[in-house]
Amino acid sequence: MKARVHVTLKTGVLDPQGEAIRHALGAMGFAGVDAVRQGKLIELDLAETDPKAAEDQVRAMCEKLLANTVIETYTVELE
């Protein structure tokens, strides 16, 4: 089973990388970009075949390692 984890900063947490991207886009002539939030995508290949067990396993991974839950939020997609 494959899992995708999208990790982004929580609303209200400053995103200096997103701001740098926004500024660079403006400098390259891409007008009208008011804000950019960037994050990370983590793809996992799991041996687990039960969707509920796989989601529980991935959420545990996020809570322990993949996301800093103090400042980040995450979503899990299974396929």
PDB file of N, CA and C in Angstrom:
ATOM      1  N   MET A   1       0.857  -1.176   0.000  1.00  0.00           N
ATOM      2  CA  MET A   1       0.000   0.000   0.000  1.00  0.00           C
ATOM      3  C   MET A   1       0.897   1.230   0.000  1.00  0.00           C
ATOM      4  N   LYS A   2       0.470   2.239  -0.724  1.00  0.00           N
ATOM      5  CA  LYS A   2       1.222   3.495  -0.780  1.00  0.00           C
ATOM      6  C   LYS A   2       0.507   4.548   0.078  1.00  0.00           C
ATOM      7  N   ALA A   3       1.301   5.386   0.698  1.00  0.00           N
ATOM      8  CA  ALA A   3       0.763   6.487   1.506  1.00  0.00           C
ATOM      9  C   ALA A   3       1.495   7.760   1.123  1.00  0.00           C
ATOM     10  N   ARG A   4       0.745   8.844   1.088  1.00  0.00           N
ATOM     11  CA  ARG A   4       1.319  10.170   0.880  1.00  0.00           C
ATOM     12  C   ARG A   4       0.990  11.009   2.105  1.00  0.00           C
ATOM     13  N   VAL A   5       1.994  11.689   2.613  1.00  0.00           N
ATOM     14  CA  VAL A   5       1.818  12.589   3.748  1.00  0.00           C
ATOM     15  C   VAL A   5       2.180  13.991   3.280  1.00  0.00           C
ATOM     16  N   HIS A   6       1.234  14.905   3.410  1.00  0.00           N
ATOM     17  CA  HIS A   6       1.465  16.309   3.100  1.00  0.00           C
ATOM     18  C   HIS A   6       1.644  17.041   4.429  1.00  0.00           C
ATOM     19  N   VAL A   7       2.792  17.687   4.604  1.00  0.00           N
ATOM     20  CA  VAL A   7       3.095  18.409   5.838  1.00  0.00           C
ATOM     21  C   VAL A   7       3.226  19.893   5.504  1.00  0.00           C
ATOM     22  N   THR A   8       2.483  20.731   6.213  1.00  0.00           N
ATOM     23  CA  THR A   8       2.562  22.174   6.014  1.00  0.00           C
ATOM     24  C   THR A   8       2.579  22.867   7.370  1.00  0.00           C
ATOM     25  N   LEU A   9       3.055  24.093   7.360  1.00  0.00           N
ATOM     26  CA  LEU A   9       3.044  24.879   8.593  1.00  0.00           C
ATOM     27  C   LEU A   9       1.612  25.247   8.957  1.00  0.00           C
ATOM     28  N   LYS A  10       1.338  25.285  10.232  1.00  0.00           N
ATOM     29  CA  LYS A  10       0.008  25.685  10.692  1.00  0.00           C
ATOM     30  C   LYS A  10      -0.248  27.147  10.347  1.00  0.00           C
ATOM     31  N   THR A  11      -1.513  27.479  10.196  1.00  0.00           N
ATOM     32  CA  THR A  11      -1.907  28.865   9.956  1.00  0.00           C
ATOM     33  C   THR A  11      -1.388  29.730  11.097  1.00  0.00           C
ATOM     34  N   GLY A  12      -0.815  30.858  10.750  1.00  0.00           N
ATOM     35  CA  GLY A  12      -0.285  31.762  11.760  1.00  0.00           C
ATOM     36  C   GLY A  12       1.196  31.589  12.028  1.00  0.00           C
ATOM     37  N   VAL A  13       1.773  30.473  11.589  1.00  0.00           N
ATOM     38  CA  VAL A  13       3.212  30.261  11.747  1.00  0.00           C
ATOM     39  C   VAL A  13       3.900  30.898  10.545  1.00  0.00           C
ATOM     40  N   LEU A  14       4.902  31.739  10.811  1.00  0.00           N
ATOM     41  CA  LEU A  14       5.624  32.399   9.731  1.00  0.00           C
ATOM     42  C   LEU A  14       6.288  31.376   8.824  1.00  0.00           C
ATOM     43  N   ASP A  15       6.249  31.644   7.513  1.00  0.00           N
ATOM     44  CA  ASP A  15       6.810  30.745   6.515  1.00  0.00           C
ATOM     45  C   ASP A  15       7.860  31.505   5.696  1.00  0.00           C
ATOM     46  N   PRO A  16       9.095  31.615   6.188  1.00  0.00           N
ATOM     47  CA  PRO A  16      10.112  32.381   5.469  1.00  0.00           C
ATOM     48  C   PRO A  16      10.427  31.812   4.085  1.00  0.00           C
ATOM     49  N   GLN A  17      10.384  30.499   3.913  1.00  0.00           N
ATOM     50  CA  GLN A  17      10.631  29.916   2.594  1.00  0.00           C
ATOM     51  C   GLN A  17       9.508  30.282   1.628  1.00  0.00           C
ATOM     52  N   GLY A  18       8.280  30.238   2.107  1.00  0.00           N
ATOM     53  CA  GLY A  18       7.153  30.644   1.281  1.00  0.00           C
ATOM     54  C   GLY A  18       7.265  32.103   0.867  1.00  0.00           C
ATOM     55  N   GLU A  19       7.690  32.945   1.790  1.00  0.00           N
ATOM     56  CA  GLU A  19       7.862  34.373   1.486  1.00  0.00           C
ATOM     57  C   GLU A  19       8.979  34.576   0.465  1.00  0.00           C
ATOM     58  N   ALA A  20      10.059  33.819   0.575  1.00  0.00           N
ATOM     59  CA  ALA A  20      11.155  33.915  -0.391  1.00  0.00           C
ATOM     60  C   ALA A  20      10.678  33.480  -1.782  1.00  0.00           C
ATOM     61  N   ILE A  21       9.863  32.451  -1.844  1.00  0.00           N
ATOM     62  CA  ILE A  21       9.310  32.000  -3.125  1.00  0.00           C
ATOM     63  C   ILE A  21       8.411  33.083  -3.713  1.00  0.00           C
ATOM     64  N   ARG A  22       7.547  33.666  -2.879  1.00  0.00           N
ATOM     65  CA  ARG A  22       6.648  34.733  -3.344  1.00  0.00           C
ATOM     66  C   ARG A  22       7.449  35.893  -3.910  1.00  0.00           C
ATOM     67  N   HIS A  23       8.488  36.296  -3.194  1.00  0.00           N
ATOM     68  CA  HIS A  23       9.329  37.410  -3.633  1.00  0.00           C
ATOM     69  C   HIS A  23      10.018  37.071  -4.956  1.00  0.00           C
ATOM     70  N   ALA A  24      10.559  35.868  -5.078  1.00  0.00           N
ATOM     71  CA  ALA A  24      11.246  35.453  -6.300  1.00  0.00           C
ATOM     72  C   ALA A  24      10.285  35.412  -7.485  1.00  0.00           C
ATOM     73  N   LEU A  25       9.076  34.940  -7.255  1.00  0.00           N
ATOM     74  CA  LEU A  25       8.083  34.920  -8.344  1.00  0.00           C
ATOM     75  C   LEU A  25       7.787  36.331  -8.837  1.00  0.00           C
ATOM     76  N   GLY A  26       7.645  37.267  -7.900  1.00  0.00           N
ATOM     77  CA  GLY A  26       7.413  38.662  -8.278  1.00  0.00           C
ATOM     78  C   GLY A  26       8.574  39.219  -9.077  1.00  0.00           C
ATOM     79  N   ALA A  27       9.793  38.894  -8.656  1.00  0.00           N
ATOM     80  CA  ALA A  27      10.982  39.374  -9.365  1.00  0.00           C
ATOM     81  C   ALA A  27      11.091  38.774 -10.765  1.00  0.00           C
ATOM     82  N   MET A  28      10.489  37.619 -10.974  1.00  0.00           N
ATOM     83  CA  MET A  28      10.519  36.953 -12.278  1.00  0.00           C
ATOM     84  C   MET A  28       9.360  37.397 -13.174  1.00  0.00           C
ATOM     85  N   GLY A  29       8.549  38.327 -12.669  1.00  0.00           N
ATOM     86  CA  GLY A  29       7.464  38.856 -13.486  1.00  0.00           C
ATOM     87  C   GLY A  29       6.118  38.206 -13.273  1.00  0.00           C
ATOM     88  N   PHE A  30       5.995  37.309 -12.311  1.00  0.00           N
ATOM     89  CA  PHE A  30       4.714  36.677 -12.010  1.00  0.00           C
ATOM     90  C   PHE A  30       3.975  37.547 -11.003  1.00  0.00           C
ATOM     91  N   ALA A  31       3.206  38.492 -11.502  1.00  0.00           N
ATOM     92  CA  ALA A  31       2.484  39.433 -10.645  1.00  0.00           C
ATOM     93  C   ALA A  31       1.225  38.777 -10.096  1.00  0.00           C
ATOM     94  N   GLY A  32       0.741  39.311  -8.991  1.00  0.00           N
ATOM     95  CA  GLY A  32      -0.531  38.869  -8.441  1.00  0.00           C
ATOM     96  C   GLY A  32      -0.442  37.712  -7.462  1.00  0.00           C
ATOM     97  N   VAL A  33       0.744  37.280  -7.096  1.00  0.00           N
ATOM     98  CA  VAL A  33       0.887  36.228  -6.088  1.00  0.00           C
ATOM     99  C   VAL A  33       0.981  36.927  -4.737  1.00  0.00           C
ATOM    100  N   ASP A  34      -0.091  36.851  -3.973  1.00  0.00           N
ATOM    101  CA  ASP A  34      -0.155  37.571  -2.699  1.00  0.00           C
ATOM    102  C   ASP A  34       0.501  36.819  -1.552  1.00  0.00           C
ATOM    103  N   ALA A  35       0.476  35.486  -1.609  1.00  0.00           N
ATOM    104  CA  ALA A  35       1.050  34.704  -0.513  1.00  0.00           C
ATOM    105  C   ALA A  35       1.430  33.320  -1.029  1.00  0.00           C
ATOM    106  N   VAL A  36       2.457  32.747  -0.431  1.00  0.00           N
ATOM    107  CA  VAL A  36       2.891  31.388  -0.747  1.00  0.00           C
ATOM    108  C   VAL A  36       3.132  30.667   0.570  1.00  0.00           C
ATOM    109  N   ARG A  37       2.597  29.467   0.679  1.00  0.00           N
ATOM    110  CA  ARG A  37       2.892  28.580   1.807  1.00  0.00           C
ATOM    111  C   ARG A  37       3.513  27.339   1.193  1.00  0.00           C
ATOM    112  N   GLN A  38       4.647  26.923   1.690  1.00  0.00           N
ATOM    113  CA  GLN A  38       5.296  25.739   1.154  1.00  0.00           C
ATOM    114  C   GLN A  38       5.290  24.651   2.214  1.00  0.00           C
ATOM    115  N   GLY A  39       5.465  23.443   1.762  1.00  0.00           N
ATOM    116  CA  GLY A  39       5.469  22.311   2.677  1.00  0.00           C
ATOM    117  C   GLY A  39       6.310  21.187   2.114  1.00  0.00           C
ATOM    118  N   LYS A  40       6.029  19.987   2.581  1.00  0.00           N
ATOM    119  CA  LYS A  40       6.777  18.841   2.071  1.00  0.00           C
ATOM    120  C   LYS A  40       5.820  17.682   1.824  1.00  0.00           C
ATOM    121  N   LEU A  41       6.213  16.835   0.882  1.00  0.00           N
ATOM    122  CA  LEU A  41       5.454  15.642   0.535  1.00  0.00           C
ATOM    123  C   LEU A  41       6.336  14.445   0.837  1.00  0.00           C
ATOM    124  N   ILE A  42       5.795  13.494   1.581  1.00  0.00           N
ATOM    125  CA  ILE A  42       6.524  12.276   1.924  1.00  0.00           C
ATOM    126  C   ILE A  42       5.716  11.105   1.376  1.00  0.00           C
ATOM    127  N   GLU A  43       6.344  10.271   0.549  1.00  0.00           N
ATOM    128  CA  GLU A  43       5.679   9.094   0.000  1.00  0.00           C
ATOM    129  C   GLU A  43       6.256   7.851   0.655  1.00  0.00           C
ATOM    130  N   LEU A  44       5.376   6.977   1.085  1.00  0.00           N
ATOM    131  CA  LEU A  44       5.782   5.755   1.779  1.00  0.00           C
ATOM    132  C   LEU A  44       5.201   4.538   1.077  1.00  0.00           C
ATOM    133  N   ASP A  45       5.991   3.487   0.921  1.00  0.00           N
ATOM    134  CA  ASP A  45       5.509   2.184   0.461  1.00  0.00           C
ATOM    135  C   ASP A  45       5.404   1.309   1.704  1.00  0.00           C
ATOM    136  N   LEU A  46       4.192   0.869   1.993  1.00  0.00           N
ATOM    137  CA  LEU A  46       3.937   0.110   3.213  1.00  0.00           C
ATOM    138  C   LEU A  46       3.637  -1.348   2.901  1.00  0.00           C
ATOM    139  N   ALA A  47       4.057  -2.251   3.774  1.00  0.00           N
ATOM    140  CA  ALA A  47       3.721  -3.663   3.641  1.00  0.00           C
ATOM    141  C   ALA A  47       2.276  -3.912   4.079  1.00  0.00           C
ATOM    142  N   GLU A  48       1.750  -3.056   4.926  1.00  0.00           N
ATOM    143  CA  GLU A  48       0.386  -3.200   5.456  1.00  0.00           C
ATOM    144  C   GLU A  48      -0.631  -3.166   4.318  1.00  0.00           C
ATOM    145  N   THR A  49      -1.626  -4.059   4.368  1.00  0.00           N
ATOM    146  CA  THR A  49      -2.668  -4.098   3.336  1.00  0.00           C
ATOM    147  C   THR A  49      -4.021  -3.618   3.835  1.00  0.00           C
ATOM    148  N   ASP A  50      -4.209  -3.570   5.139  1.00  0.00           N
ATOM    149  CA  ASP A  50      -5.468  -3.089   5.714  1.00  0.00           C
ATOM    150  C   ASP A  50      -5.434  -1.561   5.772  1.00  0.00           C
ATOM    151  N   PRO A  51      -6.377  -0.884   5.094  1.00  0.00           N
ATOM    152  CA  PRO A  51      -6.344   0.581   5.049  1.00  0.00           C
ATOM    153  C   PRO A  51      -6.387   1.254   6.420  1.00  0.00           C
ATOM    154  N   LYS A  52      -7.206   0.773   7.320  1.00  0.00           N
ATOM    155  CA  LYS A  52      -7.314   1.385   8.653  1.00  0.00           C
ATOM    156  C   LYS A  52      -6.003   1.231   9.422  1.00  0.00           C
ATOM    157  N   ALA A  53      -5.435   0.038   9.379  1.00  0.00           N
ATOM    158  CA  ALA A  53      -4.160  -0.203  10.076  1.00  0.00           C
ATOM    159  C   ALA A  53      -3.041   0.628   9.447  1.00  0.00           C
ATOM    160  N   ALA A  54      -3.042   0.737   8.118  1.00  0.00           N
ATOM    161  CA  ALA A  54      -2.019   1.537   7.441  1.00  0.00           C
ATOM    162  C   ALA A  54      -2.142   2.998   7.835  1.00  0.00           C
ATOM    163  N   GLU A  55      -3.367   3.532   7.845  1.00  0.00           N
ATOM    164  CA  GLU A  55      -3.542   4.939   8.230  1.00  0.00           C
ATOM    165  C   GLU A  55      -3.103   5.166   9.672  1.00  0.00           C
ATOM    166  N   ASP A  56      -3.466   4.259  10.568  1.00  0.00           N
ATOM    167  CA  ASP A  56      -3.037   4.386  11.960  1.00  0.00           C
ATOM    168  C   ASP A  56      -1.514   4.373  12.068  1.00  0.00           C
ATOM    169  N   GLN A  57      -0.884   3.501  11.297  1.00  0.00           N
ATOM    170  CA  GLN A  57       0.576   3.392  11.319  1.00  0.00           C
ATOM    171  C   GLN A  57       1.220   4.687  10.814  1.00  0.00           C
ATOM    172  N   VAL A  58       0.715   5.223   9.715  1.00  0.00           N
ATOM    173  CA  VAL A  58       1.286   6.446   9.152  1.00  0.00           C
ATOM    174  C   VAL A  58       1.057   7.626  10.088  1.00  0.00           C
ATOM    175  N   ARG A  59      -0.123   7.711  10.692  1.00  0.00           N
ATOM    176  CA  ARG A  59      -0.382   8.802  11.644  1.00  0.00           C
ATOM    177  C   ARG A  59       0.582   8.724  12.831  1.00  0.00           C
ATOM    178  N   ALA A  60       0.875   7.520  13.299  1.00  0.00           N
ATOM    179  CA  ALA A  60       1.846   7.357  14.389  1.00  0.00           C
ATOM    180  C   ALA A  60       3.233   7.828  13.939  1.00  0.00           C
ATOM    181  N   MET A  61       3.598   7.526  12.692  1.00  0.00           N
ATOM    182  CA  MET A  61       4.878   7.993  12.154  1.00  0.00           C
ATOM    183  C   MET A  61       4.929   9.519  12.127  1.00  0.00           C
ATOM    184  N   CYS A  62       3.815  10.125  11.729  1.00  0.00           N
ATOM    185  CA  CYS A  62       3.757  11.589  11.664  1.00  0.00           C
ATOM    186  C   CYS A  62       3.910  12.202  13.052  1.00  0.00           C
ATOM    187  N   GLU A  63       3.206  11.643  14.014  1.00  0.00           N
ATOM    188  CA  GLU A  63       3.249  12.175  15.371  1.00  0.00           C
ATOM    189  C   GLU A  63       4.635  12.033  15.998  1.00  0.00           C
ATOM    190  N   LYS A  64       5.361  10.973  15.634  1.00  0.00           N
ATOM    191  CA  LYS A  64       6.656  10.711  16.250  1.00  0.00           C
ATOM    192  C   LYS A  64       7.845  11.277  15.478  1.00  0.00           C
ATOM    193  N   LEU A  65       7.724  11.418  14.134  1.00  0.00           N
ATOM    194  CA  LEU A  65       8.897  11.801  13.361  1.00  0.00           C
ATOM    195  C   LEU A  65       8.627  12.727  12.181  1.00  0.00           C
ATOM    196  N   LEU A  66       7.640  12.417  11.377  1.00  0.00           N
ATOM    197  CA  LEU A  66       7.500  13.082  10.079  1.00  0.00           C
ATOM    198  C   LEU A  66       7.016  14.521  10.156  1.00  0.00           C
ATOM    199  N   ALA A  67       6.292  14.878  11.207  1.00  0.00           N
ATOM    200  CA  ALA A  67       5.783  16.248  11.350  1.00  0.00           C
ATOM    201  C   ALA A  67       6.085  16.761  12.750  1.00  0.00           C
ATOM    202  N   ASN A  68       6.412  18.029  12.816  1.00  0.00           N
ATOM    203  CA  ASN A  68       6.551  18.700  14.110  1.00  0.00           C
ATOM    204  C   ASN A  68       5.167  19.259  14.432  1.00  0.00           C
ATOM    205  N   THR A  69       4.392  18.513  15.195  1.00  0.00           N
ATOM    206  CA  THR A  69       2.981  18.850  15.403  1.00  0.00           C
ATOM    207  C   THR A  69       2.762  20.125  16.214  1.00  0.00           C
ATOM    208  N   VAL A  70       3.816  20.695  16.754  1.00  0.00           N
ATOM    209  CA  VAL A  70       3.690  21.976  17.443  1.00  0.00           C
ATOM    210  C   VAL A  70       3.445  23.090  16.425  1.00  0.00           C
ATOM    211  N   ILE A  71       4.146  23.015  15.281  1.00  0.00           N
ATOM    212  CA  ILE A  71       4.032  24.085  14.286  1.00  0.00           C
ATOM    213  C   ILE A  71       3.529  23.603  12.926  1.00  0.00           C
ATOM    214  N   GLU A  72       3.385  22.282  12.747  1.00  0.00           N
ATOM    215  CA  GLU A  72       2.977  21.754  11.453  1.00  0.00           C
ATOM    216  C   GLU A  72       1.698  20.933  11.565  1.00  0.00           C
ATOM    217  N   THR A  73       1.010  20.859  10.445  1.00  0.00           N
ATOM    218  CA  THR A  73      -0.158  19.996  10.328  1.00  0.00           C
ATOM    219  C   THR A  73       0.105  19.029   9.177  1.00  0.00           C
ATOM    220  N   TYR A  74      -0.603  17.909   9.159  1.00  0.00           N
ATOM    221  CA  TYR A  74      -0.375  16.934   8.108  1.00  0.00           C
ATOM    222  C   TYR A  74      -1.683  16.289   7.678  1.00  0.00           C
ATOM    223  N   THR A  75      -1.680  15.801   6.437  1.00  0.00           N
ATOM    224  CA  THR A  75      -2.791  14.994   5.940  1.00  0.00           C
ATOM    225  C   THR A  75      -2.209  13.708   5.374  1.00  0.00           C
ATOM    226  N   VAL A  76      -3.006  12.651   5.424  1.00  0.00           N
ATOM    227  CA  VAL A  76      -2.569  11.331   4.957  1.00  0.00           C
ATOM    228  C   VAL A  76      -3.503  10.878   3.840  1.00  0.00           C
ATOM    229  N   GLU A  77      -2.917  10.424   2.732  1.00  0.00           N
ATOM    230  CA  GLU A  77      -3.671   9.836   1.623  1.00  0.00           C
ATOM    231  C   GLU A  77      -3.156   8.426   1.411  1.00  0.00           C
ATOM    232  N   LEU A  78      -4.070   7.478   1.252  1.00  0.00           N
ATOM    233  CA  LEU A  78      -3.689   6.095   0.968  1.00  0.00           C
ATOM    234  C   LEU A  78      -4.167   5.700  -0.411  1.00  0.00           C
ATOM    235  N   GLU A  79      -3.382   4.857  -1.084  1.00  0.00           N
ATOM    236  CA  GLU A  79      -3.847   4.312  -2.368  1.00  0.00           C
ATOM    237  C   GLU A  79      -3.431   2.871  -2.505  1.00  0.00           C
TER     238      GLU A  79
END
